[in-house]
C-alpha atoms as a PDB file:
ATOM      1  CA  MET A   1      -0.087   0.160   0.081  1.00  0.00           C
ATOM      2  CA  LYS A   2       2.529   2.522   1.147  1.00  0.00           C
ATOM      3  CA  LYS A   3       4.533   1.792  -2.702  1.00  0.00           C
ATOM      4  CA  ILE A   4       1.283   2.798  -4.857  1.00  0.00           C
ATOM      5  CA  ILE A   5       1.043   5.891  -3.011  1.00  0.00           C
ATOM      6  CA  TYR A   6       4.781   7.064  -3.232  1.00  0.00           C
ATOM      7  CA  ILE A   7       3.645   6.210  -7.274  1.00  0.00           C
ATOM      8  CA  ILE A   8       0.968   8.249  -7.343  1.00  0.00           C
ATOM      9  CA  PHE A   9       2.676  10.901  -5.728  1.00  0.00           C
ATOM     10  CA  GLY A  10       5.752  10.295  -7.647  1.00  0.00           C
ATOM     11  CA  CYS A  11       3.284  10.220 -10.471  1.00  0.00           C
ATOM     12  CA  VAL A  12       1.553  13.192  -9.544  1.00  0.00           C
ATOM     13  CA  GLY A  13       4.945  15.261  -8.991  1.00  0.00           C
ATOM     14  CA  VAL A  14       6.332  14.320 -12.775  1.00  0.00           C
ATOM     15  CA  GLY A  15       3.324  15.673 -14.011  1.00  0.00           C
ATOM     16  CA  LEU A  16       3.010  18.812 -12.405  1.00  0.00           C
ATOM     17  CA  GLY A  17       6.905  19.302 -12.706  1.00  0.00           C
ATOM     18  CA  ALA A  18       6.337  19.126 -16.251  1.00  0.00           C
ATOM     19  CA  VAL A  19       3.832  21.563 -16.393  1.00  0.00           C
ATOM     20  CA  GLY A  20       6.060  23.496 -14.632  1.00  0.00           C
ATOM     21  CA  ALA A  21       8.797  23.458 -16.494  1.00  0.00           C
ATOM     22  CA  VAL A  22       7.063  25.041 -19.377  1.00  0.00           C
ATOM     23  CA  VAL A  23       4.273  27.355 -17.044  1.00  0.00           C
ATOM     24  CA  PRO A  24       6.905  29.997 -15.568  1.00  0.00           C
ATOM     25  CA  MET A  25       4.232  30.747 -12.494  1.00  0.00           C
ATOM     26  CA  LEU A  26       4.240  27.440 -11.532  1.00  0.00           C
ATOM     27  CA  PRO A  27       7.589  26.154  -9.893  1.00  0.00           C
ATOM     28  CA  ALA A  28       9.164  23.191 -11.303  1.00  0.00           C
ATOM     29  CA  PHE A  29      11.558  21.679  -8.822  1.00  0.00           C
ATOM     30  CA  PRO A  30       9.674  20.921  -6.016  1.00  0.00           C
ATOM     31  CA  PHE A  31       7.687  18.640  -7.855  1.00  0.00           C
ATOM     32  CA  LEU A  32      10.373  16.686  -9.160  1.00  0.00           C
ATOM     33  CA  MET A  33      11.939  16.713  -6.754  1.00  0.00           C
ATOM     34  CA  LEU A  34       8.906  14.901  -4.693  1.00  0.00           C
ATOM     35  CA  ALA A  35       8.944  12.868  -7.520  1.00  0.00           C
ATOM     36  CA  ALA A  36      12.164  11.760  -7.639  1.00  0.00           C
ATOM     37  CA  PHE A  37      11.663  10.905  -3.299  1.00  0.00           C
ATOM     38  CA  CYS A  38       8.715   8.628  -4.286  1.00  0.00           C
ATOM     39  CA  PHE A  39       9.810   6.571  -7.192  1.00  0.00           C
ATOM     40  CA  ALA A  40      13.091   6.553  -4.889  1.00  0.00           C
ATOM     41  CA  ARG A  41      11.282   4.170  -2.025  1.00  0.00           C
ATOM     42  CA  SER A  42       8.745   2.823  -4.626  1.00  0.00           C
ATOM     43  CA  SER A  43      10.253   1.591  -7.459  1.00  0.00           C
ATOM     44  CA  GLU A  44      13.678   0.953  -9.103  1.00  0.00           C
ATOM     45  CA  ARG A  45      12.558   1.037 -12.587  1.00  0.00           C
ATOM     46  CA  LEU A  46      10.962   3.620 -11.930  1.00  0.00           C
ATOM     47  CA  ASN A  47      13.999   5.504 -10.911  1.00  0.00           C
ATOM     48  CA  ASN A  48      16.534   4.668 -13.072  1.00  0.00           C
ATOM     49  CA  TRP A  49      12.579   5.658 -15.828  1.00  0.00           C
ATOM     50  CA  PHE A  50      13.052   8.912 -13.807  1.00  0.00           C
ATOM     51  CA  VAL A  51      16.524   9.560 -13.914  1.00  0.00           C
ATOM     52  CA  ASN A  52      17.472   9.484 -17.234  1.00  0.00           C
ATOM     53  CA  THR A  53      14.565  11.665 -18.117  1.00  0.00           C
ATOM     54  CA  LYS A  54      15.177  15.390 -20.422  1.00  0.00           C
ATOM     55  CA  LEU A  55      13.432  16.919 -17.459  1.00  0.00           C
ATOM     56  CA  TYR A  56      15.359  15.558 -14.119  1.00  0.00           C
ATOM     57  CA  ARG A  57      18.773  15.967 -15.761  1.00  0.00           C
ATOM     58  CA  ASP A  58      17.601  19.615 -17.026  1.00  0.00           C
ATOM     59  CA  ASN A  59      16.325  20.537 -13.729  1.00  0.00           C
ATOM     60  CA  LEU A  60      17.354  18.359 -11.318  1.00  0.00           C
ATOM     61  CA  ALA A  61      20.555  16.172 -12.338  1.00  0.00           C
ATOM     62  CA  ASP A  62      23.559  18.796 -10.920  1.00  0.00           C
ATOM     63  CA  TYR A  63      21.420  19.669  -7.953  1.00  0.00           C
ATOM     64  CA  VAL A  64      21.068  15.745  -6.583  1.00  0.00           C
ATOM     65  CA  ALA A  65      24.520  15.474  -7.382  1.00  0.00           C
ATOM     66  CA  GLY A  66      25.495  18.051  -5.045  1.00  0.00           C
ATOM     67  CA  ARG A  67      27.211  20.550  -7.588  1.00  0.00           C
ATOM     68  CA  GLY A  68      24.948  23.161  -7.411  1.00  0.00           C
ATOM     69  CA  MET A  69      22.325  24.907  -9.606  1.00  0.00           C
ATOM     70  CA  THR A  70      22.925  27.563 -12.503  1.00  0.00           C
ATOM     71  CA  ARG A  71      22.495  31.406 -11.435  1.00  0.00           C
ATOM     72  CA  ARG A  72      19.752  31.169 -13.890  1.00  0.00           C
ATOM     73  CA  THR A  73      17.316  28.172 -12.478  1.00  0.00           C
ATOM     74  CA  LYS A  74      18.364  29.918  -8.967  1.00  0.00           C
ATOM     75  CA  ILE A  75      17.363  33.140 -10.088  1.00  0.00           C
ATOM     76  CA  ARG A  76      14.537  31.824 -11.312  1.00  0.00           C
ATOM     77  CA  ILE A  77      13.392  29.363  -8.402  1.00  0.00           C
ATOM     78  CA  MET A  78      13.560  33.446  -5.934  1.00  0.00           C
ATOM     79  CA  VAL A  79      11.598  34.653  -8.355  1.00  0.00           C
ATOM     80  CA  THR A  80       8.306  32.274  -9.018  1.00  0.00           C
ATOM     81  CA  VAL A  81       8.677  31.503  -4.961  1.00  0.00           C
ATOM     82  CA  THR A  82       8.729  35.570  -4.223  1.00  0.00           C
ATOM     83  CA  LEU A  83       5.528  36.240  -6.695  1.00  0.00           C
ATOM     84  CA  LEU A  84       3.205  33.376  -4.988  1.00  0.00           C
ATOM     85  CA  MET A  85       4.638  33.982  -1.277  1.00  0.00           C
ATOM     86  CA  SER A  86       3.207  37.415  -1.814  1.00  0.00           C
ATOM     87  CA  ILE A  87       0.354  36.089  -3.060  1.00  0.00           C
ATOM     88  CA  GLY A  88      -0.760  35.281   0.019  1.00  0.00           C
ATOM     89  CA  PHE A  89       1.053  37.608   2.482  1.00  0.00           C
ATOM     90  CA  THR A  90      -1.062  40.231   0.273  1.00  0.00           C
ATOM     91  CA  MET A  91      -4.406  38.207   1.432  1.00  0.00           C
ATOM     92  CA  MET A  92      -3.333  37.593   4.685  1.00  0.00           C
ATOM     93  CA  GLY A  93      -3.059  41.275   5.056  1.00  0.00           C
ATOM     94  CA  MET A  94      -5.910  42.189   4.158  1.00  0.00           C
ATOM     95  CA  LYS A  95      -7.676  39.757   6.655  1.00  0.00           C
ATOM     96  CA  GLY A  96      -5.709  41.151   9.304  1.00  0.00           C
ATOM     97  CA  ILE A  97      -4.005  37.692   9.721  1.00  0.00           C
ATOM     98  CA  TRP A  98      -0.312  39.485  10.557  1.00  0.00           C
ATOM     99  CA  VAL A  99       1.142  36.103  12.750  1.00  0.00           C
ATOM    100  CA  GLY A 100       0.717  34.329   9.125  1.00  0.00           C
ATOM    101  CA  CYS A 101       2.637  37.579   7.506  1.00  0.00           C
ATOM    102  CA  ALA A 102       5.148  36.953  10.321  1.00  0.00           C
ATOM    103  CA  VAL A 103       5.431  33.089   9.690  1.00  0.00           C
ATOM    104  CA  LEU A 104       4.860  33.735   5.414  1.00  0.00           C
ATOM    105  CA  CYS A 105       7.820  36.528   5.697  1.00  0.00           C
ATOM    106  CA  GLY A 106      10.159  34.570   7.459  1.00  0.00           C
ATOM    107  CA  VAL A 107       9.361  31.083   5.425  1.00  0.00           C
ATOM    108  CA  TRP A 108      10.506  33.414   2.592  1.00  0.00           C
ATOM    109  CA  VAL A 109      13.591  35.709   4.357  1.00  0.00           C
ATOM    110  CA  PHE A 110      15.133  31.637   4.830  1.00  0.00           C
ATOM    111  CA  HIS A 111      14.418  30.672   0.903  1.00  0.00           C
ATOM    112  CA  ILE A 112      15.790  33.496  -0.139  1.00  0.00           C
ATOM    113  CA  LEU A 113      18.670  32.776   1.846  1.00  0.00           C
ATOM    114  CA  TYR A 114      19.290  29.133   1.370  1.00  0.00           C
ATOM    115  CA  PHE A 115      18.908  29.675  -2.609  1.00  0.00           C
ATOM    116  CA  CYS A 116      21.995  32.898  -2.406  1.00  0.00           C
ATOM    117  CA  PHE A 117      24.360  31.281   0.102  1.00  0.00           C
ATOM    118  CA  GLY A 118      23.508  27.240   0.247  1.00  0.00           C
ATOM    119  CA  VAL A 119      23.586  25.850  -3.226  1.00  0.00           C
ATOM    120  CA  LYS A 120      26.344  26.463  -4.666  1.00  0.00           C
ATOM    121  CA  THR A 121      26.230  28.590  -8.216  1.00  0.00           C
ATOM    122  CA  LEU A 122      27.071  26.719 -11.541  1.00  0.00           C
ATOM    123  CA  ASN A 123      29.043  28.864 -13.602  1.00  0.00           C
ATOM    124  CA  THR A 124      28.138  27.399 -17.328  1.00  0.00           C
ATOM    125  CA  GLN A 125      28.947  28.687 -20.652  1.00  0.00           C
ATOM    126  CA  LYS A 126      25.905  29.166 -21.955  1.00  0.00           C
ATOM    127  CA  GLU A 127      25.060  32.324 -18.958  1.00  0.00           C
END
């Protein structure tokens, strides 16, 4: 039963990650990480298939291998998350939920600091 749930979540992650690779407002990275996590725990065959896809190689391979991310990828992730969090921040602020705004602000600051200082930046010829 646990394996089936991991497979379902992995497939959902791949689907949303594929959409996120094309749609600018939907981040692909967290969904692809979800898929990698779920497939690694559910099926060796699905995991092997996933790590050999172009979607995985373009978005996750360097990060998972510990090499880091390109500057462009880091900026894309930070901008997308900032835009999405600002929507939640604005909606909570309009309703006077200041504790939620403070928590969201803290998560946002941690996110920015993590991607600026915690994730290595790859130097590529393409940038």
